[in-house]
Every structure is written in structure tokens, then in C-alpha cells.
Amino acid sequence: MSRKKRANSLTVIDLFCGAGGLSEGFRQAGFRVLVGNDVDKFSGMTYTATHHGAVFLAGPIQSLSAVDFFWASKLRKGELDCLIGGPPCQAFSVYNHQRGLHDERSNLFREYLRIVDGLMPKWVVMENVTGITSAGGGLAMREIVDGLSELGYNVETRILRAEQYGVAQERRRIFLLAIAWESPFIGTRCPKRSTSYPDEPYPVCSIWRGNNEPLNPSDDLICVCPKRFHAVDFLKDVVEYCWPGVPPDNPRIAPEVKMAGFGNVDFVIADMLPNGSVGQFLSVELQAIDITGSVRKAYDALRRVEQLDRRPTYGLNWDNVYKRYITQLIRKGYFHHHWKSKIVAVIQEQIYRNIVERADFMRSSNVKSETVNIIFMTYRFDHDHLRPGQFKPVLARVEGTSHANLQQAILYKEPPSRDMFCRKIAARLSVPK
């Protein structure tokens, strides 16, 4: 990316900016500095003179809110690329023999976190003296890292030496870099978490299965996060292929609709009537598949740009989709039948084929029929020719059934062999107690 292009696209706000040294470094790197804040008005005069186009907000940070920075920068929450700054370091410096968290200046890092929470930038860069890692037994540093992690950032720290960067001083500073894991499919922070690392995002959206080369994305690339479907306009597909009767005049999308006794659905597309009431509607649920085992080692190696010694072992929990998801779908399909509506299951083609193989229920391509209240809209992955090396979901098929057909196929499928079950009984009885 050229410097000129970056200058037009990457934005910075500087807290505790002083005369603007850190801002100047980012400006020289191609960032566009929008706002600076400091309590010292004389520093502000220098800042304004050297950072043309930037707004200087004078005064203590305690008197400012995220709204003030939105007003000055003309940005909205989540749009800022980078928030930078170094909270006052006197309370942490090893040269201050009275240092400690009793110094009121030592609490200003909490104001920094408050502004981070309000602005939710894509990146955070904080600089301070190395003494912040030991002052108060390291409590301040732990609170900063924990606070950023709770906000959904992945946090790394590193001590840099000024003399190694062309500065004629022996000066040590600790830099903290926090990156918000933004999902490219939903345009906001990745909500997925790992049980091993519950405080940070775990952006594993799809994985390959099998060892045969070459791998075929249509069969071997498996969606493990439902947000992956947001790469295409599946809601547009729902209206086009699933909406019964006349298309809606005023379609509105309600996310995460919940109700006691029903549960929740990911979306409801409703046709809003002129009087403000809800007319026809379709519910939409996205379903992926869970991983058995773990791909955490592969994910960590990818972040470190390293190679694994051997391929990680993991599986896919097909049983969980069949037992849990289909049971819920039958129940919700029953409710939609009584509401004279339908529920649409957006699901990957491979997962749908697995369900059909287990329960060969009656299906119809006429999904707009009144007898259909559960619709399966399936996608498969294909090469994205506009982005080489990436893959996009492509609509595979749309077909429907009723809750009664689906329930009957599951409950009354052909039973397994009685002789086989008897052999299992005998095997267990022969196990020594």
C-alpha cells in the first residue's frame, strides 16, 4: 500500500498528545491525524501549529467523552483506525522514589480505557515507561491488558530501545499493541470465542477436512461459524426464493428475535404495513458445525507465521447438528405452521446432505407451498475469482418440508438390527465388574 493511499484511509486520534511527538511518527508513517488531546494548553499550541488539519481538544481527559472525539473527528463508533497515546508516566517511573498507584496520575490509564470503550478503534497503541510493569506489583499493567481483552482486543507488549532506532539516547519504553479482531463478513468484532481462550476472539470461520489432494472446496471446505454466510447476501436470496406470494413492499430485518417458550432466531424478515404492524414474515436461522478436537495449534501457528510439524487432528460434530439443531427446527417449524409462516434454515450443502442421509424425509422444491413450513437453503463453497486464493458461498439448492414430515422421518426411520443390539448387550455383560 502506498503512503499516499494510506494517508487517505488510515486515521489516528492521540490521547495525552503533548506537543505531538507520537502523532508526528504516525503522520510520517502515512496516517492521517484527526484529533489530539492534552491538559497542557501550551503543548496544544505547538500541536496545532505542527499538525495542520488536526483538532486539538484542550483540557483534562476526565472532562471529555467519546462524543467529543466523534464530533471533532467526524467519525462514528468503530470507524477510527488507531487510537494512540501515553498516559502520564511520572507515577510509574523508577526514577520517582515515591512512585505507586497512590499517585492520582497513575489512574489516568483508566480514562484511556474509557475512551477506547467509547470509540472502539481497530487498533490501540499505548506507550509508557517500563516501570509500569512493576509499579504497584504490576497491577496497572494487568488492568490495562485485562481491560482491553474484555473489550475484544488481542494484546501484545514489547519493550523497545530508542538507540536501536537512530535516536542518540539510551531510552527504554514499553509499547502495547491491541488489535480488534474484526470479522470481514459482518464488519464488526468477531464474537466467536474458544473455551481455552474465552477472553479473546477466535476467528476460525472454516476448515478443510480430509487429506486427499487436491482438496475440493465444494466438498472439503467446511463452515464452522455461521457468520461465514454473511459473505453473501443470503437475506436477499431468502426473499427471492422463499417469500410466499407477492414480494414484500416494505421489508425490514429484525436481528436476534427472542421470546420465552420459543427460543430465538437469527433474523426475521418482516413486511411492515402502513399502519406500523407486522404483515407477512419469514424467520431465518444460520447453522454451522462444531469442531471436535481442536485446531488451536494451527491457528496459533498461523498467527506466528510458522509451520506445524504435523497436521492437527480434529473432527466434525455431525451428531450434534442432527440431534440438537433438527430437534429445535421441528419445534420452531411447528410454531411457524400455526403462525401461517415459514422458517428458513441457511445451512451448508454438506451438512444438509448428512441430515438427509440420516433421515430421508419428504422434500419439495415448491417451497412457497402452504404445506411447507421449514425451508432448507443450502450453500457450497467455490473459488472467488475476484479474490484469488479465497472462497465464497454459492447457493446450491432450496427445498422444503413440513415439521410433521421431518419429525416422522426421524422418529420412524428404519430401526437398527435387533441381533446387533443383542450382541452389544452380551458384550457389556461379559465385561468384568
Protein backbone atom coordinates (compact mmCIF):
# COMPACT_ATOMS: atom_id res chain seq x y z
CA MET A 1 0.00 0.00 0.00
CA SER A 2 1.47 3.38 -0.96
CA ARG A 3 1.99 6.09 1.62
CA LYS A 4 -0.39 8.39 -0.24
CA LYS A 5 -3.10 5.77 -0.21
CA ARG A 6 -2.61 5.08 3.49
CA ALA A 7 -2.78 8.78 4.29
CA ASN A 8 -6.21 8.91 2.74
CA SER A 9 -7.50 5.85 4.56
CA LEU A 10 -5.89 5.29 7.98
CA THR A 11 -6.89 7.62 10.80
CA VAL A 12 -5.40 8.41 14.23
CA ILE A 13 -6.52 10.08 17.44
CA ASP A 14 -3.84 10.87 20.05
CA LEU A 15 -4.60 10.98 23.79
CA PHE A 16 -2.19 12.73 26.18
CA CYS A 17 -0.61 14.02 22.98
CA GLY A 18 1.65 16.73 24.44
CA ALA A 19 3.36 18.60 21.62
CA GLY A 20 2.62 15.71 19.26
CA GLY A 21 5.71 13.51 19.07
CA LEU A 22 3.78 10.25 18.73
CA SER A 23 1.32 11.85 16.33
CA GLU A 24 4.23 13.02 14.19
CA GLY A 25 5.61 9.49 13.96
CA PHE A 26 2.26 8.20 12.75
CA ARG A 27 1.93 11.12 10.34
CA GLN A 28 5.31 10.31 8.83
CA ALA A 29 4.21 6.67 8.52
CA GLY A 30 1.27 7.80 6.37
CA PHE A 31 -1.57 8.07 8.86
CA ARG A 32 -4.00 10.99 8.94
CA VAL A 33 -4.04 12.57 12.41
CA LEU A 34 -7.53 13.80 13.24
CA VAL A 35 -7.59 14.79 16.91
CA GLY A 36 -5.21 15.33 19.81
CA ASN A 37 -5.97 15.90 23.48
CA ASP A 38 -3.85 17.18 26.34
CA VAL A 39 -4.35 19.12 29.54
CA ASP A 40 -1.45 21.48 28.75
CA LYS A 41 -2.61 24.39 26.57
CA PHE A 42 0.91 25.41 25.59
CA SER A 43 1.60 21.94 24.22
CA GLY A 44 -1.67 22.34 22.40
CA MET A 45 -0.40 25.48 20.67
CA THR A 46 2.59 23.56 19.35
CA TYR A 47 0.38 20.63 18.37
CA THR A 48 -1.98 22.86 16.40
CA ALA A 49 0.92 24.58 14.63
CA THR A 50 2.58 21.31 13.57
CA HIS A 51 -0.45 19.16 12.81
CA HIS A 52 -2.44 21.07 10.25
CA GLY A 53 -5.97 19.77 9.87
CA ALA A 54 -6.00 18.09 13.30
CA VAL A 55 -8.36 19.30 16.02
CA PHE A 56 -6.84 19.91 19.45
CA LEU A 57 -9.19 19.27 22.38
CA ALA A 58 -7.80 21.10 25.41
CA GLY A 59 -8.44 20.06 28.97
CA PRO A 60 -8.27 17.06 31.28
CA ILE A 61 -9.34 13.81 29.69
CA GLN A 62 -11.77 13.26 32.55
CA SER A 63 -13.88 16.10 31.15
CA LEU A 64 -14.15 14.53 27.69
CA SER A 65 -16.28 11.71 26.36
CA ALA A 66 -16.28 9.66 23.19
CA VAL A 67 -18.90 12.06 21.80
CA ASP A 68 -16.35 14.90 21.88
CA PHE A 69 -13.95 12.85 19.78
CA PHE A 70 -16.74 11.81 17.39
CA TRP A 71 -17.63 15.47 16.92
CA ALA A 72 -14.02 16.54 16.32
CA SER A 73 -13.12 13.66 14.01
CA LYS A 74 -16.44 13.32 12.13
CA LEU A 75 -16.24 9.57 12.76
CA ARG A 76 -18.64 7.12 14.34
CA LYS A 77 -18.04 4.30 16.79
CA GLY A 78 -15.81 1.61 15.32
CA GLU A 79 -14.62 3.73 12.37
CA LEU A 80 -11.33 5.01 13.85
CA ASP A 81 -8.31 3.03 12.68
CA CYS A 82 -5.89 3.71 15.54
CA LEU A 83 -6.06 5.29 18.99
CA ILE A 84 -2.60 6.17 20.32
CA GLY A 85 -1.17 7.82 23.40
CA GLY A 86 0.90 7.51 26.52
CA PRO A 87 -0.80 8.19 29.85
CA PRO A 88 1.41 10.26 32.20
CA CYS A 89 4.34 8.15 33.32
CA GLN A 90 5.60 10.00 36.42
CA ALA A 91 3.70 7.71 38.78
CA PHE A 92 5.37 4.65 37.21
CA SER A 93 8.94 5.83 36.58
CA VAL A 94 11.66 4.05 38.56
CA TYR A 95 13.33 7.48 38.97
CA ASN A 96 10.37 8.58 41.07
CA HIS A 97 11.10 7.17 44.52
CA GLN A 98 7.53 7.94 45.60
CA ARG A 99 6.06 6.08 42.62
CA GLY A 100 2.97 3.94 43.05
CA LEU A 101 -0.73 3.69 42.44
CA HIS A 102 -1.43 6.18 45.24
CA ASP A 103 -0.39 8.95 42.82
CA GLU A 104 -3.60 10.28 41.23
CA ARG A 105 -1.84 10.44 37.84
CA SER A 106 -1.44 6.66 37.95
CA ASN A 107 -5.18 6.23 37.40
CA LEU A 108 -5.28 8.04 34.06
CA PHE A 109 -4.82 4.79 32.17
CA ARG A 110 -8.42 4.01 33.20
CA GLU A 111 -9.52 7.15 31.36
CA TYR A 112 -7.64 5.84 28.34
CA LEU A 113 -9.58 2.56 28.57
CA ARG A 114 -12.83 4.52 28.93
CA ILE A 115 -12.17 6.32 25.65
CA VAL A 116 -11.20 3.03 23.98
CA ASP A 117 -14.54 1.60 25.08
CA GLY A 118 -16.36 4.60 23.68
CA LEU A 119 -14.54 4.83 20.32
CA MET A 120 -13.81 1.11 19.74
CA PRO A 121 -10.91 1.72 17.30
CA LYS A 122 -9.49 -1.05 15.16
CA TRP A 123 -6.06 -0.75 16.81
CA VAL A 124 -4.75 0.70 20.06
CA VAL A 125 -1.13 1.74 20.64
CA MET A 126 -0.14 2.76 24.17
CA GLU A 127 3.36 3.85 25.20
CA ASN A 128 4.82 4.23 28.66
CA VAL A 129 7.91 3.76 30.82
CA THR A 130 8.93 0.21 31.60
CA GLY A 131 8.27 0.90 35.28
CA ILE A 132 4.56 0.49 34.64
CA THR A 133 5.11 -3.27 34.60
CA SER A 134 6.31 -3.26 38.24
CA ALA A 135 4.58 -0.29 39.87
CA GLY A 136 2.00 -1.46 42.37
CA GLY A 137 3.13 -5.03 41.83
CA GLY A 138 2.26 -4.77 38.12
CA LEU A 139 -1.40 -4.12 38.90
CA ALA A 140 -1.74 -1.24 36.43
CA MET A 141 -0.34 -3.23 33.52
CA ARG A 142 -2.54 -6.22 34.31
CA GLU A 143 -5.61 -4.00 34.48
CA ILE A 144 -4.79 -2.43 31.10
CA VAL A 145 -4.27 -5.78 29.39
CA ASP A 146 -7.35 -7.32 31.01
CA GLY A 147 -9.47 -4.28 30.19
CA LEU A 148 -8.52 -4.35 26.52
CA SER A 149 -9.05 -8.11 26.34
CA GLU A 150 -12.54 -7.75 27.77
CA LEU A 151 -13.29 -5.23 25.02
CA GLY A 152 -12.39 -7.84 22.40
CA TYR A 153 -8.78 -6.93 21.63
CA ASN A 154 -5.79 -9.21 21.23
CA VAL A 155 -2.99 -7.56 23.23
CA GLU A 156 0.77 -7.78 22.81
CA THR A 157 3.54 -5.82 24.58
CA ARG A 158 7.14 -5.16 23.66
CA ILE A 159 9.98 -3.11 25.14
CA LEU A 160 11.76 -1.01 22.51
CA ARG A 161 15.18 0.66 22.82
CA ALA A 162 15.44 4.14 21.34
CA GLU A 163 19.12 3.75 20.43
CA GLN A 164 18.23 0.89 18.09
CA TYR A 165 16.05 3.27 16.06
CA GLY A 166 18.54 6.04 15.34
CA VAL A 167 17.96 8.10 18.49
CA ALA A 168 21.06 9.35 20.34
CA GLN A 169 19.68 8.32 23.72
CA GLU A 170 19.52 5.19 25.82
CA ARG A 171 15.82 5.14 26.46
CA ARG A 172 13.53 2.17 27.13
CA ARG A 173 9.82 2.31 26.52
CA ILE A 174 7.15 -0.34 26.63
CA PHE A 175 4.68 -0.37 23.77
CA LEU A 176 1.33 -2.07 23.97
CA LEU A 177 -0.41 -3.01 20.72
CA ALA A 178 -4.05 -4.10 20.82
CA ILE A 179 -5.80 -5.35 17.70
CA ALA A 180 -9.56 -5.75 17.40
CA TRP A 181 -10.40 -8.95 15.56
CA GLU A 182 -12.89 -7.62 13.05
CA SER A 183 -14.88 -10.17 11.13
CA PRO A 184 -14.71 -9.32 7.41
CA PHE A 185 -18.12 -10.92 6.95
CA ILE A 186 -20.12 -8.87 9.46
CA GLY A 187 -17.98 -5.71 9.61
CA THR A 188 -17.77 -5.76 13.41
CA ARG A 189 -15.75 -7.54 16.05
CA CYS A 190 -15.57 -11.29 15.83
CA PRO A 191 -17.94 -12.67 18.51
CA LYS A 192 -16.56 -16.22 18.41
CA ARG A 193 -14.66 -17.48 21.45
CA SER A 194 -12.65 -20.57 22.32
CA THR A 195 -13.24 -22.39 25.61
CA SER A 196 -9.46 -22.35 26.08
CA TYR A 197 -9.23 -18.59 25.49
CA PRO A 198 -12.60 -17.13 26.49
CA ASP A 199 -11.36 -13.52 26.72
CA GLU A 200 -10.18 -13.09 23.13
CA PRO A 201 -11.77 -13.62 19.72
CA TYR A 202 -11.21 -16.94 17.95
CA PRO A 203 -11.75 -16.10 14.26
CA VAL A 204 -11.75 -19.62 12.81
CA CYS A 205 -14.57 -19.50 10.24
CA SER A 206 -13.95 -22.53 8.04
CA ILE A 207 -11.61 -25.52 7.94
CA TRP A 208 -10.55 -28.18 5.45
CA ARG A 209 -11.42 -31.82 6.01
CA GLY A 210 -9.63 -34.82 4.53
CA ASN A 211 -6.09 -35.34 3.33
CA ASN A 212 -6.71 -36.02 -0.34
CA GLU A 213 -5.08 -33.64 -2.79
CA PRO A 214 -6.27 -31.55 -4.44
CA LEU A 215 -8.91 -30.50 -1.95
CA ASN A 216 -12.25 -29.51 -3.46
CA PRO A 217 -13.90 -26.50 -1.73
CA SER A 218 -17.37 -27.72 -2.71
CA ASP A 219 -16.90 -30.89 -0.64
CA ASP A 220 -13.92 -30.35 1.65
CA LEU A 221 -14.20 -26.76 2.93
CA ILE A 222 -16.50 -26.79 5.96
CA CYS A 223 -18.13 -23.77 7.61
CA VAL A 224 -17.62 -23.82 11.40
CA CYS A 225 -19.01 -20.34 12.10
CA PRO A 226 -22.45 -19.17 10.86
CA LYS A 227 -21.08 -15.64 10.35
CA ARG A 228 -19.34 -17.08 7.28
CA PHE A 229 -22.66 -16.92 5.42
CA HIS A 230 -22.57 -13.13 5.69
CA ALA A 231 -20.05 -13.16 2.85
CA VAL A 232 -23.09 -13.26 0.54
CA ASP A 233 -26.45 -11.51 0.72
CA PHE A 234 -28.36 -14.55 1.94
CA LEU A 235 -31.25 -12.39 3.15
CA LYS A 236 -31.78 -11.20 -0.43
CA ASP A 237 -31.79 -14.87 -1.50
CA VAL A 238 -34.37 -15.65 1.20
CA VAL A 239 -36.77 -13.02 -0.15
CA GLU A 240 -36.19 -14.03 -3.76
CA TYR A 241 -36.54 -17.79 -3.38
CA CYS A 242 -38.59 -18.33 -0.21
CA TRP A 243 -41.06 -15.49 0.20
CA PRO A 244 -44.61 -16.79 -0.32
CA GLY A 245 -46.89 -14.89 -2.66
CA VAL A 246 -46.31 -11.26 -3.58
CA PRO A 247 -42.86 -9.87 -2.64
CA PRO A 248 -42.86 -7.58 0.41
CA ASP A 249 -43.46 -3.85 -0.14
CA ASN A 250 -41.59 -2.71 2.96
CA PRO A 251 -39.24 -5.48 4.12
CA ARG A 252 -37.43 -4.85 7.39
CA ILE A 253 -34.85 -7.08 9.06
CA ALA A 254 -35.04 -7.73 12.81
CA PRO A 255 -31.91 -9.45 14.18
CA GLU A 256 -31.83 -11.86 17.14
CA VAL A 257 -35.55 -12.12 17.88
CA LYS A 258 -36.13 -13.91 21.20
CA MET A 259 -39.27 -14.99 23.02
CA ALA A 260 -39.95 -17.11 26.10
CA GLY A 261 -41.31 -20.52 25.17
CA PHE A 262 -39.92 -20.19 21.66
CA GLY A 263 -36.19 -19.54 21.90
CA ASN A 264 -34.55 -17.29 19.36
CA VAL A 265 -33.89 -16.95 15.64
CA ASP A 266 -31.00 -15.12 13.99
CA PHE A 267 -33.21 -12.89 11.81
CA VAL A 268 -36.81 -12.18 10.95
CA ILE A 269 -37.63 -10.53 7.62
CA ALA A 270 -40.96 -8.76 8.10
CA ASP A 271 -43.15 -6.84 5.69
CA MET A 272 -44.14 -3.75 7.67
CA LEU A 273 -47.64 -2.46 6.89
CA PRO A 274 -48.52 1.26 6.55
CA ASN A 275 -50.14 1.24 9.99
CA GLY A 276 -46.89 0.05 11.59
CA SER A 277 -47.98 -3.53 12.22
CA VAL A 278 -46.15 -6.65 11.05
CA GLY A 279 -47.58 -8.36 7.98
CA GLN A 280 -46.07 -11.49 6.43
CA PHE A 281 -42.71 -12.59 7.83
CA LEU A 282 -40.05 -15.28 7.47
CA SER A 283 -37.67 -16.38 10.20
CA VAL A 284 -34.07 -17.21 9.30
CA GLU A 285 -31.57 -19.35 11.17
CA LEU A 286 -27.90 -19.82 10.27
CA GLN A 287 -26.30 -23.15 11.14
CA ALA A 288 -22.67 -24.23 11.00
CA ILE A 289 -20.99 -27.28 12.54
CA ASP A 290 -18.86 -27.65 15.66
CA ILE A 291 -15.30 -28.97 15.68
CA THR A 292 -14.39 -31.99 17.81
CA GLY A 293 -10.81 -31.83 18.98
CA SER A 294 -9.01 -28.54 18.40
CA VAL A 295 -7.39 -26.52 15.64
CA ARG A 296 -5.93 -24.10 18.17
CA LYS A 297 -2.32 -25.13 17.45
CA ALA A 298 -2.82 -24.49 13.74
CA TYR A 299 -4.47 -21.14 14.46
CA ASP A 300 -1.65 -20.04 16.78
CA ALA A 301 0.96 -21.15 14.23
CA LEU A 302 -0.82 -19.15 11.55
CA ARG A 303 -0.71 -16.03 13.74
CA ARG A 304 3.04 -16.53 14.29
CA VAL A 305 3.63 -17.28 10.59
CA GLU A 306 5.06 -20.69 11.50
CA GLN A 307 4.70 -24.20 10.13
CA LEU A 308 3.41 -27.10 12.23
CA ASP A 309 5.45 -30.29 12.44
CA ARG A 310 2.36 -32.31 11.65
CA ARG A 311 -1.25 -31.79 10.67
CA PRO A 312 -3.58 -31.25 13.67
CA THR A 313 -6.20 -33.90 14.31
CA TYR A 314 -9.81 -32.79 14.60
CA GLY A 315 -13.25 -33.91 13.61
CA LEU A 316 -16.68 -32.50 12.88
CA ASN A 317 -19.63 -32.98 15.21
CA TRP A 318 -22.28 -34.14 12.72
CA ASP A 319 -24.27 -35.81 15.52
CA ASN A 320 -24.75 -32.54 17.36
CA VAL A 321 -26.27 -30.86 14.31
CA TYR A 322 -28.60 -33.80 13.72
CA LYS A 323 -29.73 -34.22 17.33
CA ARG A 324 -29.86 -30.66 18.61
CA TYR A 325 -30.47 -28.43 15.59
CA ILE A 326 -33.04 -30.61 13.81
CA THR A 327 -34.98 -31.10 17.04
CA GLN A 328 -35.16 -27.33 17.51
CA LEU A 329 -36.09 -26.84 13.86
CA ILE A 330 -39.04 -29.25 14.17
CA ARG A 331 -40.29 -27.36 17.20
CA LYS A 332 -39.94 -23.95 15.57
CA GLY A 333 -41.43 -25.25 12.33
CA TYR A 334 -44.48 -26.32 14.31
CA PHE A 335 -44.86 -22.80 15.72
CA HIS A 336 -44.50 -21.23 12.28
CA HIS A 337 -47.13 -23.61 10.93
CA HIS A 338 -49.61 -22.19 13.43
CA TRP A 339 -48.48 -18.65 12.59
CA LYS A 340 -49.01 -19.40 8.86
CA SER A 341 -45.39 -18.58 8.20
CA LYS A 342 -42.12 -20.39 7.49
CA ILE A 343 -38.65 -20.74 8.96
CA VAL A 344 -35.62 -20.81 6.66
CA ALA A 345 -32.55 -22.83 7.65
CA VAL A 346 -29.44 -21.39 5.97
CA ILE A 347 -27.03 -24.31 6.05
CA GLN A 348 -24.04 -25.69 4.20
CA GLU A 349 -24.77 -28.24 1.49
CA GLN A 350 -22.51 -30.90 3.06
CA ILE A 351 -24.32 -30.62 6.38
CA TYR A 352 -27.70 -30.84 4.69
CA ARG A 353 -26.67 -33.96 2.75
CA ASN A 354 -25.61 -35.57 6.03
CA ILE A 355 -29.05 -34.82 7.53
CA VAL A 356 -30.87 -36.24 4.50
CA GLU A 357 -28.77 -39.41 4.58
CA ARG A 358 -29.81 -39.98 8.20
CA ALA A 359 -33.48 -39.07 7.82
CA ASP A 360 -34.79 -39.26 4.26
CA PHE A 361 -37.81 -37.01 4.81
CA MET A 362 -40.22 -35.88 2.13
CA ARG A 363 -38.94 -32.75 0.36
CA SER A 364 -40.38 -30.36 -2.18
CA SER A 365 -38.83 -27.77 -4.48
CA ASN A 366 -42.08 -25.77 -4.25
CA VAL A 367 -41.07 -24.03 -1.04
CA LYS A 368 -43.78 -21.38 -1.40
CA SER A 369 -46.49 -24.01 -0.95
CA GLU A 370 -48.72 -23.69 2.13
CA THR A 371 -47.77 -27.25 3.14
CA VAL A 372 -44.11 -26.22 3.58
CA ASN A 373 -43.13 -24.51 6.83
CA ILE A 374 -39.43 -25.46 7.01
CA ILE A 375 -37.15 -24.41 4.14
CA PHE A 376 -33.54 -25.51 3.71
CA MET A 377 -31.46 -23.03 1.74
CA THR A 378 -28.02 -24.58 1.24
CA TYR A 379 -24.69 -23.12 0.16
CA ARG A 380 -21.44 -24.65 -1.00
CA PHE A 381 -18.02 -23.00 -1.29
CA ASP A 382 -16.49 -22.12 -4.64
CA HIS A 383 -13.40 -20.23 -5.81
CA ASP A 384 -13.77 -16.46 -5.61
CA HIS A 385 -12.33 -15.34 -8.96
CA LEU A 386 -12.30 -11.70 -7.84
CA ARG A 387 -10.09 -12.60 -4.86
CA PRO A 388 -7.64 -15.34 -5.82
CA GLY A 389 -7.00 -17.84 -3.05
CA GLN A 390 -10.30 -17.12 -1.30
CA PHE A 391 -13.64 -18.89 -1.42
CA LYS A 392 -17.20 -17.65 -1.39
CA PRO A 393 -20.53 -19.33 -0.53
CA VAL A 394 -22.64 -20.11 -3.60
CA LEU A 395 -26.32 -21.02 -3.42
CA ALA A 396 -26.68 -24.78 -4.02
CA ARG A 397 -30.38 -25.60 -3.57
CA VAL A 398 -33.63 -24.52 -1.95
CA GLU A 399 -36.16 -27.13 -0.87
CA GLY A 400 -38.67 -27.51 1.90
CA THR A 401 -40.68 -29.83 4.07
CA SER A 402 -43.08 -29.67 6.97
CA HIS A 403 -42.35 -30.12 10.65
CA ALA A 404 -44.54 -33.24 10.60
CA ASN A 405 -42.60 -34.86 7.73
CA LEU A 406 -39.27 -34.10 9.35
CA GLN A 407 -40.41 -35.42 12.73
CA GLN A 408 -41.84 -38.60 11.26
CA ALA A 409 -38.66 -39.36 9.28
CA ILE A 410 -36.58 -39.06 12.44
CA LEU A 411 -38.89 -40.92 14.83
CA TYR A 412 -39.93 -43.70 12.48
CA LYS A 413 -36.78 -44.34 10.49
CA GLU A 414 -35.89 -47.99 9.93
CA PRO A 415 -34.69 -49.43 13.25
CA PRO A 416 -31.23 -50.99 13.53
CA SER A 417 -30.82 -54.76 13.73
CA ARG A 418 -32.15 -56.44 16.90
CA ASP A 419 -29.44 -59.11 16.65
CA MET A 420 -26.78 -56.42 16.58
CA PHE A 421 -28.29 -54.78 19.67
CA CYS A 422 -28.37 -58.17 21.48
CA ARG A 423 -24.68 -58.67 20.69
CA LYS A 424 -23.98 -55.26 22.23
CA ILE A 425 -25.88 -56.32 25.37
CA ALA A 426 -23.92 -59.56 25.59
CA ALA A 427 -20.63 -57.74 25.13
CA ARG A 428 -21.39 -55.42 28.04
CA LEU A 429 -22.46 -58.32 30.28
CA SER A 430 -19.16 -60.07 29.62
CA VAL A 431 -17.14 -57.09 30.90
CA PRO A 432 -15.63 -57.99 34.33
CA LYS A 433 -17.05 -55.99 37.21
